[in-house]
Amino acid sequence: MTTDDVVQACSGCLVQEDLEQMVSLDLEEALGYAFTALMEAGIEDPEAFLREKGILE
């Protein structure tokens, strides 16, 4: 899995600014950023969301 995979999984929920920021991060940092950004976007359970998208096991 790569940072690009995380960005693709979040592309329907996050604004372009967040997606562009995540591209510049390593995978671990991108996941942390995604968790925060998804919560701010109204996703109540970012972990479940990323699991559904195949990002987390």
N, C-alpha and C. Protein backbone atom coordinates (compact mmCIF):
# COMPACT_ATOMS: atom_id res chain seq x y z
N MET A 1 0.84 -1.17 0.00
CA MET A 1 0.00 0.00 0.00
C MET A 1 0.90 1.25 0.00
N THR A 2 0.39 2.27 -0.67
CA THR A 2 1.15 3.52 -0.77
C THR A 2 0.30 4.70 -0.32
N THR A 3 0.93 5.83 -0.20
CA THR A 3 0.21 7.06 0.12
C THR A 3 -0.85 7.34 -0.95
N ASP A 4 -0.53 7.06 -2.20
CA ASP A 4 -1.50 7.27 -3.29
C ASP A 4 -2.76 6.44 -3.08
N ASP A 5 -2.62 5.24 -2.54
CA ASP A 5 -3.79 4.40 -2.25
C ASP A 5 -4.69 5.07 -1.22
N VAL A 6 -4.09 5.66 -0.21
CA VAL A 6 -4.85 6.36 0.83
C VAL A 6 -5.57 7.56 0.22
N VAL A 7 -4.87 8.30 -0.61
CA VAL A 7 -5.46 9.47 -1.26
C VAL A 7 -6.64 9.05 -2.13
N GLN A 8 -6.48 8.00 -2.90
CA GLN A 8 -7.56 7.51 -3.76
C GLN A 8 -8.77 7.09 -2.93
N ALA A 9 -8.53 6.41 -1.83
CA ALA A 9 -9.63 5.94 -0.98
C ALA A 9 -10.42 7.10 -0.39
N CYS A 10 -9.74 8.20 -0.13
CA CYS A 10 -10.37 9.36 0.51
C CYS A 10 -10.88 10.39 -0.48
N SER A 11 -10.64 10.18 -1.75
CA SER A 11 -10.91 11.22 -2.75
C SER A 11 -12.38 11.63 -2.84
N GLY A 12 -13.29 10.76 -2.50
CA GLY A 12 -14.69 11.13 -2.55
C GLY A 12 -15.20 11.88 -1.34
N CYS A 13 -14.39 11.91 -0.28
CA CYS A 13 -14.84 12.50 0.98
C CYS A 13 -14.09 13.76 1.39
N LEU A 14 -12.88 13.91 0.91
CA LEU A 14 -12.05 15.02 1.37
C LEU A 14 -11.89 16.07 0.27
N VAL A 15 -11.66 17.29 0.69
CA VAL A 15 -11.44 18.38 -0.26
C VAL A 15 -10.07 18.23 -0.91
N GLN A 16 -9.93 18.82 -2.07
CA GLN A 16 -8.69 18.72 -2.85
C GLN A 16 -7.47 19.15 -2.04
N GLU A 17 -7.62 20.17 -1.23
CA GLU A 17 -6.51 20.67 -0.42
C GLU A 17 -5.96 19.58 0.50
N ASP A 18 -6.85 18.83 1.14
CA ASP A 18 -6.41 17.73 2.02
C ASP A 18 -5.72 16.64 1.21
N LEU A 19 -6.28 16.30 0.07
CA LEU A 19 -5.69 15.25 -0.77
C LEU A 19 -4.29 15.65 -1.23
N GLU A 20 -4.13 16.90 -1.63
CA GLU A 20 -2.82 17.37 -2.06
C GLU A 20 -1.81 17.36 -0.92
N GLN A 21 -2.26 17.68 0.27
CA GLN A 21 -1.37 17.65 1.44
C GLN A 21 -0.91 16.21 1.72
N MET A 22 -1.84 15.27 1.63
CA MET A 22 -1.49 13.88 1.92
C MET A 22 -0.48 13.31 0.94
N VAL A 23 -0.53 13.73 -0.32
CA VAL A 23 0.40 13.22 -1.33
C VAL A 23 1.85 13.46 -0.93
N SER A 24 2.10 14.55 -0.23
CA SER A 24 3.48 14.90 0.12
C SER A 24 3.98 14.18 1.38
N LEU A 25 3.13 13.38 2.01
CA LEU A 25 3.50 12.71 3.26
C LEU A 25 3.89 11.26 3.01
N ASP A 26 4.63 10.69 3.97
CA ASP A 26 4.88 9.25 3.86
C ASP A 26 3.62 8.51 4.30
N LEU A 27 3.59 7.22 4.12
CA LEU A 27 2.37 6.44 4.34
C LEU A 27 1.81 6.59 5.75
N GLU A 28 2.66 6.47 6.75
CA GLU A 28 2.19 6.56 8.14
C GLU A 28 1.60 7.94 8.44
N GLU A 29 2.28 8.98 7.98
CA GLU A 29 1.78 10.34 8.20
C GLU A 29 0.48 10.57 7.44
N ALA A 30 0.39 10.02 6.23
CA ALA A 30 -0.82 10.18 5.41
C ALA A 30 -2.02 9.51 6.09
N LEU A 31 -1.79 8.36 6.70
CA LEU A 31 -2.88 7.68 7.41
C LEU A 31 -3.36 8.52 8.59
N GLY A 32 -2.42 9.08 9.34
CA GLY A 32 -2.79 9.93 10.47
C GLY A 32 -3.54 11.16 10.01
N TYR A 33 -3.07 11.76 8.94
CA TYR A 33 -3.74 12.93 8.38
C TYR A 33 -5.15 12.55 7.91
N ALA A 34 -5.25 11.41 7.26
CA ALA A 34 -6.55 10.95 6.75
C ALA A 34 -7.54 10.76 7.89
N PHE A 35 -7.11 10.16 8.99
CA PHE A 35 -8.00 9.95 10.14
C PHE A 35 -8.59 11.28 10.60
N THR A 36 -7.72 12.27 10.78
CA THR A 36 -8.16 13.58 11.26
C THR A 36 -9.07 14.26 10.25
N ALA A 37 -8.66 14.26 8.99
CA ALA A 37 -9.43 14.93 7.94
C ALA A 37 -10.79 14.25 7.75
N LEU A 38 -10.83 12.93 7.83
CA LEU A 38 -12.11 12.23 7.67
C LEU A 38 -13.07 12.58 8.82
N MET A 39 -12.55 12.66 10.03
CA MET A 39 -13.40 13.04 11.17
C MET A 39 -13.93 14.45 10.98
N GLU A 40 -13.07 15.35 10.53
CA GLU A 40 -13.50 16.73 10.28
C GLU A 40 -14.51 16.81 9.15
N ALA A 41 -14.47 15.84 8.24
CA ALA A 41 -15.41 15.80 7.10
C ALA A 41 -16.72 15.12 7.46
N GLY A 42 -16.83 14.66 8.73
CA GLY A 42 -18.09 14.07 9.18
C GLY A 42 -18.14 12.56 9.17
N ILE A 43 -17.01 11.92 8.88
CA ILE A 43 -16.96 10.46 8.94
C ILE A 43 -16.75 10.08 10.41
N GLU A 44 -17.76 9.45 11.01
CA GLU A 44 -17.71 9.17 12.45
C GLU A 44 -16.67 8.12 12.82
N ASP A 45 -16.43 7.16 11.92
CA ASP A 45 -15.49 6.08 12.21
C ASP A 45 -14.49 5.95 11.06
N PRO A 46 -13.44 6.77 11.07
CA PRO A 46 -12.45 6.72 9.99
C PRO A 46 -11.80 5.35 9.83
N GLU A 47 -11.62 4.64 10.94
CA GLU A 47 -11.00 3.32 10.87
C GLU A 47 -11.88 2.36 10.05
N ALA A 48 -13.18 2.35 10.33
CA ALA A 48 -14.09 1.49 9.58
C ALA A 48 -14.14 1.92 8.11
N PHE A 49 -14.14 3.21 7.86
CA PHE A 49 -14.16 3.73 6.49
C PHE A 49 -12.94 3.22 5.72
N LEU A 50 -11.76 3.34 6.32
CA LEU A 50 -10.54 2.91 5.65
C LEU A 50 -10.47 1.39 5.51
N ARG A 51 -11.08 0.68 6.42
CA ARG A 51 -11.17 -0.78 6.29
C ARG A 51 -12.03 -1.14 5.08
N GLU A 52 -13.17 -0.48 4.96
CA GLU A 52 -14.07 -0.74 3.82
C GLU A 52 -13.38 -0.46 2.49
N LYS A 53 -12.51 0.53 2.47
CA LYS A 53 -11.80 0.90 1.24
C LYS A 53 -10.57 0.02 0.99
N GLY A 54 -10.28 -0.92 1.90
CA GLY A 54 -9.16 -1.83 1.73
C GLY A 54 -7.82 -1.26 2.16
N ILE A 55 -7.85 -0.15 2.86
CA ILE A 55 -6.60 0.47 3.31
C ILE A 55 -6.11 -0.17 4.60
N LEU A 56 -7.01 -0.46 5.49
CA LEU A 56 -6.66 -1.13 6.76
C LEU A 56 -7.21 -2.55 6.75
N GLU A 57 -6.56 -3.42 7.48
CA GLU A 57 -7.03 -4.80 7.58
C GLU A 57 -8.00 -4.96 8.72
